[in-house]
Amino acid sequence: MRRIIAFILCAIMCLALISSAYAADDPIVIGTTITLGEYEQDNNLGNGTEPIQWIVLDIQDGKALILSKYLIDTIMYNNKATYITWENCSLRNWLNNDFLSTAFAEEEQAEIQESDLDNGNNRTRDRVFLLSFDEVGQYFPDDASRLCDVSLTSCALLSSREKKDITTRGWWTRSPPAVHTPSGWGSPAPAPIEGDSDHFEYVTTVGIRNDYVVDYLGGIRPAIRVNLDTISSQFPS
């Protein structure tokens, strides 16, 4: 009898430990921060690249939409001042080629899905992209939530260029400009201009909207979609 009681107590303790372990392993949900890929972010080439932190913005059909937590670089929307679309701008090319191959190992790249994007004046299928004007308003409902810190690499570049200390910076969206409310994101957003533009929507350093010329050196927060099961098992925060 004592052996049976001891066996039952042992089984209960084992089950409690297992339940505790599973509870500690929090599932990935909207708002979770994960790490995936690496990129130079501390302005110290001697210590190698740093893991990229991402915020989970949305989860649908087994895929997670994630956005870089910090401004990881500062790049022009297009490398020369001209009328352009997201489809043809140099920034889109950089994100889907240079950044994709630099920041992610082959097995990580395999988990990054193509996204069908509505860009206001055209549609594209991208693996790496920027949020649209509407998406910024959807996932960041107030000015304070849109503020974003700059990586040290971008901070050093901007501080040198502008001759002052830079710790926060605005960030590009992929959307062409339109007539919006003066202080922020209206709902619903008005239709964007048709055709090419030499200005694109930008989240400013105080979290409100503006539109900047395409050759402005603006902050970059890449967005990607990844398989949820894969990041849950292989790429924890």
C-alpha atoms as a PDB file:
ATOM      1  CA  MET A   1       0.000   0.000   0.000  1.00  0.00           C
ATOM      2  CA  ARG A   2       2.801   2.375   0.922  1.00  0.00           C
ATOM      3  CA  ARG A   3       4.493   1.621  -2.401  1.00  0.00           C
ATOM      4  CA  ILE A   4       1.314   2.466  -4.268  1.00  0.00           C
ATOM      5  CA  ILE A   5       0.928   5.757  -2.394  1.00  0.00           C
ATOM      6  CA  ALA A   6       4.586   6.611  -3.012  1.00  0.00           C
ATOM      7  CA  PHE A   7       4.167   5.817  -6.720  1.00  0.00           C
ATOM      8  CA  ILE A   8       1.091   8.034  -6.965  1.00  0.00           C
ATOM      9  CA  LEU A   9       2.849  10.927  -5.200  1.00  0.00           C
ATOM     10  CA  CYS A  10       5.855  10.581  -7.483  1.00  0.00           C
ATOM     11  CA  ALA A  11       3.611  10.624 -10.552  1.00  0.00           C
ATOM     12  CA  ILE A  12       1.824  13.748  -9.323  1.00  0.00           C
ATOM     13  CA  MET A  13       5.156  15.524  -8.744  1.00  0.00           C
ATOM     14  CA  CYS A  14       6.389  14.590 -12.222  1.00  0.00           C
ATOM     15  CA  LEU A  15       3.206  15.895 -13.827  1.00  0.00           C
ATOM     16  CA  ALA A  16       3.523  19.141 -11.874  1.00  0.00           C
ATOM     17  CA  LEU A  17       7.100  19.614 -13.081  1.00  0.00           C
ATOM     18  CA  ILE A  18       6.114  18.949 -16.683  1.00  0.00           C
ATOM     19  CA  SER A  19       3.194  21.409 -16.466  1.00  0.00           C
ATOM     20  CA  SER A  20       5.510  24.025 -14.967  1.00  0.00           C
ATOM     21  CA  ALA A  21       8.025  23.566 -17.774  1.00  0.00           C
ATOM     22  CA  TYR A  22       5.350  24.020 -20.423  1.00  0.00           C
ATOM     23  CA  ALA A  23       3.967  27.102 -18.654  1.00  0.00           C
ATOM     24  CA  ALA A  24       7.441  28.660 -18.587  1.00  0.00           C
ATOM     25  CA  ASP A  25       7.765  28.145 -22.334  1.00  0.00           C
ATOM     26  CA  ASP A  26       5.396  30.957 -23.326  1.00  0.00           C
ATOM     27  CA  PRO A  27       3.780  30.609 -26.761  1.00  0.00           C
ATOM     28  CA  ILE A  28       4.452  33.205 -29.418  1.00  0.00           C
ATOM     29  CA  VAL A  29       1.534  35.634 -29.501  1.00  0.00           C
ATOM     30  CA  ILE A  30       0.942  39.163 -30.782  1.00  0.00           C
ATOM     31  CA  GLY A  31       3.346  41.469 -28.944  1.00  0.00           C
ATOM     32  CA  THR A  32       5.986  38.791 -28.370  1.00  0.00           C
ATOM     33  CA  THR A  33       9.595  39.800 -29.097  1.00  0.00           C
ATOM     34  CA  ILE A  34      11.679  37.192 -30.921  1.00  0.00           C
ATOM     35  CA  THR A  35      15.161  37.115 -32.436  1.00  0.00           C
ATOM     36  CA  LEU A  36      15.805  36.067 -36.019  1.00  0.00           C
ATOM     37  CA  GLY A  37      18.800  36.852 -38.218  1.00  0.00           C
ATOM     38  CA  GLU A  38      21.777  39.086 -37.486  1.00  0.00           C
ATOM     39  CA  TYR A  39      22.875  42.550 -38.621  1.00  0.00           C
ATOM     40  CA  GLU A  40      25.515  45.065 -37.624  1.00  0.00           C
ATOM     41  CA  GLN A  41      23.823  47.244 -35.011  1.00  0.00           C
ATOM     42  CA  ASP A  42      26.346  48.346 -32.358  1.00  0.00           C
ATOM     43  CA  ASN A  43      28.824  50.113 -34.699  1.00  0.00           C
ATOM     44  CA  ASN A  44      31.598  47.738 -33.607  1.00  0.00           C
ATOM     45  CA  LEU A  45      32.712  45.567 -36.516  1.00  0.00           C
ATOM     46  CA  GLY A  46      35.214  43.789 -34.275  1.00  0.00           C
ATOM     47  CA  ASN A  47      32.572  41.867 -32.325  1.00  0.00           C
ATOM     48  CA  GLY A  48      30.565  40.701 -35.315  1.00  0.00           C
ATOM     49  CA  THR A  49      26.890  41.185 -36.063  1.00  0.00           C
ATOM     50  CA  GLU A  50      24.083  41.329 -33.508  1.00  0.00           C
ATOM     51  CA  PRO A  51      20.805  39.357 -33.384  1.00  0.00           C
ATOM     52  CA  ILE A  52      17.835  41.239 -34.827  1.00  0.00           C
ATOM     53  CA  GLN A  53      14.882  41.614 -32.473  1.00  0.00           C
ATOM     54  CA  TRP A  54      11.387  41.512 -33.955  1.00  0.00           C
ATOM     55  CA  ILE A  55       7.923  42.323 -32.603  1.00  0.00           C
ATOM     56  CA  VAL A  56       5.055  40.018 -33.592  1.00  0.00           C
ATOM     57  CA  LEU A  57       2.365  42.306 -35.040  1.00  0.00           C
ATOM     58  CA  ASP A  58      -0.146  39.782 -36.358  1.00  0.00           C
ATOM     59  CA  ILE A  59      -0.732  36.044 -36.693  1.00  0.00           C
ATOM     60  CA  GLN A  60      -2.892  34.588 -39.469  1.00  0.00           C
ATOM     61  CA  ASP A  61      -3.052  31.183 -41.148  1.00  0.00           C
ATOM     62  CA  GLY A  62      -0.018  29.890 -39.272  1.00  0.00           C
ATOM     63  CA  LYS A  63       2.168  32.828 -40.281  1.00  0.00           C
ATOM     64  CA  ALA A  64       3.421  35.706 -38.146  1.00  0.00           C
ATOM     65  CA  LEU A  65       3.918  39.257 -39.400  1.00  0.00           C
ATOM     66  CA  ILE A  66       6.966  40.605 -37.571  1.00  0.00           C
ATOM     67  CA  LEU A  67       8.597  44.060 -37.569  1.00  0.00           C
ATOM     68  CA  SER A  68      12.100  44.969 -36.406  1.00  0.00           C
ATOM     69  CA  LYS A  69      11.963  46.360 -32.891  1.00  0.00           C
ATOM     70  CA  TYR A  70      14.629  48.985 -33.623  1.00  0.00           C
ATOM     71  CA  LEU A  71      15.609  51.103 -36.607  1.00  0.00           C
ATOM     72  CA  ILE A  72      18.359  48.859 -37.894  1.00  0.00           C
ATOM     73  CA  ASP A  73      19.660  51.175 -40.621  1.00  0.00           C
ATOM     74  CA  THR A  74      19.177  54.525 -42.328  1.00  0.00           C
ATOM     75  CA  ILE A  75      18.681  54.441 -46.086  1.00  0.00           C
ATOM     76  CA  MET A  76      17.137  56.579 -48.816  1.00  0.00           C
ATOM     77  CA  TYR A  77      13.795  55.457 -50.214  1.00  0.00           C
ATOM     78  CA  ASN A  78      15.409  55.858 -53.589  1.00  0.00           C
ATOM     79  CA  ASN A  79      19.051  56.574 -54.300  1.00  0.00           C
ATOM     80  CA  LYS A  80      18.275  59.621 -56.407  1.00  0.00           C
ATOM     81  CA  ALA A  81      15.573  62.281 -56.360  1.00  0.00           C
ATOM     82  CA  THR A  82      12.969  61.277 -58.921  1.00  0.00           C
ATOM     83  CA  TYR A  83       9.354  60.207 -59.254  1.00  0.00           C
ATOM     84  CA  ILE A  84       9.139  56.532 -58.307  1.00  0.00           C
ATOM     85  CA  THR A  85       6.891  53.757 -56.941  1.00  0.00           C
ATOM     86  CA  TRP A  86       7.577  51.229 -54.192  1.00  0.00           C
ATOM     87  CA  GLU A  87       7.830  48.596 -56.919  1.00  0.00           C
ATOM     88  CA  ASN A  88      10.795  50.333 -58.560  1.00  0.00           C
ATOM     89  CA  CYS A  89      12.552  52.091 -55.689  1.00  0.00           C
ATOM     90  CA  SER A  90      16.117  51.218 -54.667  1.00  0.00           C
ATOM     91  CA  LEU A  91      15.083  50.567 -51.053  1.00  0.00           C
ATOM     92  CA  ARG A  92      12.798  47.669 -52.045  1.00  0.00           C
ATOM     93  CA  ASN A  93      15.647  46.179 -54.068  1.00  0.00           C
ATOM     94  CA  TRP A  94      18.040  46.552 -51.130  1.00  0.00           C
ATOM     95  CA  LEU A  95      15.647  44.905 -48.664  1.00  0.00           C
ATOM     96  CA  ASN A  96      14.895  41.906 -50.871  1.00  0.00           C
ATOM     97  CA  ASN A  97      18.474  41.313 -51.977  1.00  0.00           C
ATOM     98  CA  ASP A  98      21.294  42.855 -49.921  1.00  0.00           C
ATOM     99  CA  PHE A  99      19.523  42.835 -46.554  1.00  0.00           C
ATOM    100  CA  LEU A 100      17.873  39.443 -47.051  1.00  0.00           C
ATOM    101  CA  SER A 101      21.139  37.703 -47.931  1.00  0.00           C
ATOM    102  CA  THR A 102      23.196  39.580 -45.318  1.00  0.00           C
ATOM    103  CA  ALA A 103      20.882  39.283 -42.321  1.00  0.00           C
ATOM    104  CA  PHE A 104      19.593  35.713 -42.669  1.00  0.00           C
ATOM    105  CA  ALA A 105      21.210  32.309 -43.016  1.00  0.00           C
ATOM    106  CA  GLU A 106      19.897  30.060 -45.783  1.00  0.00           C
ATOM    107  CA  GLU A 107      17.687  28.058 -43.416  1.00  0.00           C
ATOM    108  CA  GLU A 108      16.216  31.296 -42.058  1.00  0.00           C
ATOM    109  CA  GLN A 109      15.596  32.669 -45.539  1.00  0.00           C
ATOM    110  CA  ALA A 110      13.643  29.508 -46.336  1.00  0.00           C
ATOM    111  CA  GLU A 111      11.136  30.391 -43.606  1.00  0.00           C
ATOM    112  CA  ILE A 112      10.477  33.936 -44.878  1.00  0.00           C
ATOM    113  CA  GLN A 113       7.297  33.938 -46.945  1.00  0.00           C
ATOM    114  CA  GLU A 114       6.297  36.107 -49.881  1.00  0.00           C
ATOM    115  CA  SER A 115       3.676  38.705 -48.987  1.00  0.00           C
ATOM    116  CA  ASP A 116       1.117  40.096 -51.423  1.00  0.00           C
ATOM    117  CA  LEU A 117       1.251  43.846 -50.807  1.00  0.00           C
ATOM    118  CA  ASP A 118      -1.176  46.628 -51.658  1.00  0.00           C
ATOM    119  CA  ASN A 119       1.054  49.680 -52.107  1.00  0.00           C
ATOM    120  CA  GLY A 120      -1.614  52.257 -52.876  1.00  0.00           C
ATOM    121  CA  ASN A 121      -0.645  52.712 -56.496  1.00  0.00           C
ATOM    122  CA  ASN A 122       0.364  49.125 -57.375  1.00  0.00           C
ATOM    123  CA  ARG A 123       0.753  45.633 -55.927  1.00  0.00           C
ATOM    124  CA  THR A 124       3.933  43.646 -55.344  1.00  0.00           C
ATOM    125  CA  ARG A 125       5.005  40.327 -53.854  1.00  0.00           C
ATOM    126  CA  ASP A 126       7.891  40.856 -51.444  1.00  0.00           C
ATOM    127  CA  ARG A 127       9.733  38.788 -48.873  1.00  0.00           C
ATOM    128  CA  VAL A 128      11.030  41.849 -47.010  1.00  0.00           C
ATOM    129  CA  PHE A 129       9.095  45.105 -47.007  1.00  0.00           C
ATOM    130  CA  LEU A 130       8.052  48.203 -45.079  1.00  0.00           C
ATOM    131  CA  LEU A 131       4.681  48.674 -43.439  1.00  0.00           C
ATOM    132  CA  SER A 132       2.136  50.711 -45.369  1.00  0.00           C
ATOM    133  CA  PHE A 133       0.511  53.883 -44.039  1.00  0.00           C
ATOM    134  CA  ASP A 134      -2.637  51.903 -43.130  1.00  0.00           C
ATOM    135  CA  GLU A 135      -0.658  49.139 -41.412  1.00  0.00           C
ATOM    136  CA  VAL A 136       1.211  51.626 -39.229  1.00  0.00           C
ATOM    137  CA  GLY A 137      -2.129  53.026 -38.065  1.00  0.00           C
ATOM    138  CA  GLN A 138      -3.526  49.529 -37.520  1.00  0.00           C
ATOM    139  CA  TYR A 139      -0.658  48.172 -35.409  1.00  0.00           C
ATOM    140  CA  PHE A 140       0.448  51.418 -33.735  1.00  0.00           C
ATOM    141  CA  PRO A 141      -2.737  53.273 -32.759  1.00  0.00           C
ATOM    142  CA  ASP A 142      -1.157  56.274 -30.988  1.00  0.00           C
ATOM    143  CA  ASP A 143       1.819  58.561 -31.483  1.00  0.00           C
ATOM    144  CA  ALA A 144       3.816  57.207 -28.538  1.00  0.00           C
ATOM    145  CA  SER A 145       3.618  53.625 -29.803  1.00  0.00           C
ATOM    146  CA  ARG A 146       5.225  54.663 -33.099  1.00  0.00           C
ATOM    147  CA  LEU A 147       8.408  56.030 -31.494  1.00  0.00           C
ATOM    148  CA  CYS A 148      11.430  53.871 -32.170  1.00  0.00           C
ATOM    149  CA  ASP A 149      15.030  53.760 -30.946  1.00  0.00           C
ATOM    150  CA  VAL A 150      17.922  53.775 -33.417  1.00  0.00           C
ATOM    151  CA  SER A 151      20.610  51.106 -33.565  1.00  0.00           C
ATOM    152  CA  LEU A 152      24.048  52.389 -32.556  1.00  0.00           C
ATOM    153  CA  THR A 153      25.315  51.995 -36.124  1.00  0.00           C
ATOM    154  CA  SER A 154      22.587  54.256 -37.492  1.00  0.00           C
ATOM    155  CA  CYS A 155      23.015  56.564 -34.504  1.00  0.00           C
ATOM    156  CA  ALA A 156      26.703  57.077 -35.287  1.00  0.00           C
ATOM    157  CA  LEU A 157      25.984  57.671 -38.974  1.00  0.00           C
ATOM    158  CA  LEU A 158      23.252  60.196 -38.308  1.00  0.00           C
ATOM    159  CA  SER A 159      25.122  61.969 -35.525  1.00  0.00           C
ATOM    160  CA  SER A 160      28.129  62.417 -37.809  1.00  0.00           C
ATOM    161  CA  ARG A 161      25.985  63.600 -40.708  1.00  0.00           C
ATOM    162  CA  GLU A 162      23.846  66.021 -38.715  1.00  0.00           C
ATOM    163  CA  LYS A 163      26.533  67.147 -36.240  1.00  0.00           C
ATOM    164  CA  LYS A 164      24.393  66.327 -33.197  1.00  0.00           C
ATOM    165  CA  ASP A 165      23.533  63.334 -31.041  1.00  0.00           C
ATOM    166  CA  ILE A 166      20.782  61.166 -32.511  1.00  0.00           C
ATOM    167  CA  THR A 167      19.027  58.558 -30.352  1.00  0.00           C
ATOM    168  CA  THR A 168      15.604  58.316 -31.995  1.00  0.00           C
ATOM    169  CA  ARG A 169      14.593  58.635 -35.592  1.00  0.00           C
ATOM    170  CA  GLY A 170      11.555  58.450 -37.791  1.00  0.00           C
ATOM    171  CA  TRP A 171      10.986  55.605 -40.225  1.00  0.00           C
ATOM    172  CA  TRP A 172       9.816  55.067 -43.753  1.00  0.00           C
ATOM    173  CA  THR A 173       6.536  53.480 -44.808  1.00  0.00           C
ATOM    174  CA  ARG A 174       6.162  52.147 -48.336  1.00  0.00           C
ATOM    175  CA  SER A 175       3.081  54.298 -49.107  1.00  0.00           C
ATOM    176  CA  PRO A 176       2.889  57.321 -51.399  1.00  0.00           C
ATOM    177  CA  PRO A 177       1.486  60.491 -49.831  1.00  0.00           C
ATOM    178  CA  ALA A 178      -2.130  61.573 -49.690  1.00  0.00           C
ATOM    179  CA  VAL A 179      -4.215  64.217 -47.956  1.00  0.00           C
ATOM    180  CA  HIS A 180      -4.334  63.195 -44.284  1.00  0.00           C
ATOM    181  CA  THR A 181      -5.286  64.735 -40.990  1.00  0.00           C
ATOM    182  CA  PRO A 182      -2.504  67.138 -39.920  1.00  0.00           C
ATOM    183  CA  SER A 183      -1.543  65.381 -36.695  1.00  0.00           C
ATOM    184  CA  GLY A 184      -1.681  61.672 -37.403  1.00  0.00           C
ATOM    185  CA  TRP A 185      -3.401  58.663 -38.830  1.00  0.00           C
ATOM    186  CA  GLY A 186      -6.973  59.202 -39.973  1.00  0.00           C
ATOM    187  CA  SER A 187      -9.548  56.407 -40.216  1.00  0.00           C
ATOM    188  CA  PRO A 188     -10.290  55.465 -42.858  1.00  0.00           C
ATOM    189  CA  ALA A 189      -7.200  56.705 -44.682  1.00  0.00           C
ATOM    190  CA  PRO A 190      -7.877  58.657 -47.882  1.00  0.00           C
ATOM    191  CA  ALA A 191      -6.830  57.268 -51.237  1.00  0.00           C
ATOM    192  CA  PRO A 192      -3.171  57.851 -52.153  1.00  0.00           C
ATOM    193  CA  ILE A 193      -2.094  59.727 -55.219  1.00  0.00           C
ATOM    194  CA  GLU A 194      -2.010  57.775 -58.444  1.00  0.00           C
ATOM    195  CA  GLY A 195       1.203  57.099 -60.337  1.00  0.00           C
ATOM    196  CA  ASP A 196       4.759  57.875 -59.302  1.00  0.00           C
ATOM    197  CA  SER A 197       5.738  60.180 -56.448  1.00  0.00           C
ATOM    198  CA  ASP A 198       8.886  61.915 -55.248  1.00  0.00           C
ATOM    199  CA  HIS A 199       7.637  61.899 -51.613  1.00  0.00           C
ATOM    200  CA  PHE A 200       6.555  58.972 -49.425  1.00  0.00           C
ATOM    201  CA  GLU A 201       4.850  58.638 -46.064  1.00  0.00           C
ATOM    202  CA  TYR A 202       7.136  58.811 -43.035  1.00  0.00           C
ATOM    203  CA  VAL A 203       6.680  58.301 -39.296  1.00  0.00           C
ATOM    204  CA  THR A 204       8.399  61.271 -37.642  1.00  0.00           C
ATOM    205  CA  THR A 205      10.483  61.365 -34.452  1.00  0.00           C
ATOM    206  CA  VAL A 206       7.367  62.359 -32.468  1.00  0.00           C
ATOM    207  CA  GLY A 207       5.169  59.633 -33.962  1.00  0.00           C
ATOM    208  CA  ILE A 208       3.053  61.717 -36.335  1.00  0.00           C
ATOM    209  CA  ARG A 209       2.944  61.459 -40.125  1.00  0.00           C
ATOM    210  CA  ASN A 210       4.755  63.455 -42.750  1.00  0.00           C
ATOM    211  CA  ASP A 211       5.919  62.812 -46.281  1.00  0.00           C
ATOM    212  CA  TYR A 212       9.594  63.111 -47.144  1.00  0.00           C
ATOM    213  CA  VAL A 213      11.523  63.332 -50.404  1.00  0.00           C
ATOM    214  CA  VAL A 214      12.744  59.981 -51.670  1.00  0.00           C
ATOM    215  CA  ASP A 215      16.453  60.793 -51.293  1.00  0.00           C
ATOM    216  CA  TYR A 216      16.070  61.544 -47.572  1.00  0.00           C
ATOM    217  CA  LEU A 217      18.211  59.331 -45.319  1.00  0.00           C
ATOM    218  CA  GLY A 218      15.387  57.777 -43.306  1.00  0.00           C
ATOM    219  CA  GLY A 219      15.095  55.044 -40.680  1.00  0.00           C
ATOM    220  CA  ILE A 220      14.335  51.470 -41.725  1.00  0.00           C
ATOM    221  CA  ARG A 221      12.160  48.938 -39.868  1.00  0.00           C
ATOM    222  CA  PRO A 222      11.951  45.846 -42.087  1.00  0.00           C
ATOM    223  CA  ALA A 223       8.880  43.628 -41.916  1.00  0.00           C
ATOM    224  CA  ILE A 224       8.635  39.940 -42.875  1.00  0.00           C
ATOM    225  CA  ARG A 225       6.200  37.029 -42.610  1.00  0.00           C
ATOM    226  CA  VAL A 226       7.476  33.748 -41.219  1.00  0.00           C
ATOM    227  CA  ASN A 227       6.035  30.328 -40.417  1.00  0.00           C
ATOM    228  CA  LEU A 228       4.815  30.421 -36.839  1.00  0.00           C
ATOM    229  CA  ASP A 229       5.694  26.787 -36.066  1.00  0.00           C
ATOM    230  CA  THR A 230       9.264  27.325 -37.191  1.00  0.00           C
ATOM    231  CA  ILE A 231       9.970  30.429 -35.152  1.00  0.00           C
ATOM    232  CA  SER A 232       8.285  28.857 -32.133  1.00  0.00           C
ATOM    233  CA  SER A 233      10.635  25.884 -32.185  1.00  0.00           C
ATOM    234  CA  GLN A 234      13.855  27.244 -33.691  1.00  0.00           C
ATOM    235  CA  PHE A 235      14.096  30.966 -33.076  1.00  0.00           C
ATOM    236  CA  PRO A 236      12.931  31.798 -29.532  1.00  0.00           C
ATOM    237  CA  SER A 237      13.282  35.256 -28.007  1.00  0.00           C
END
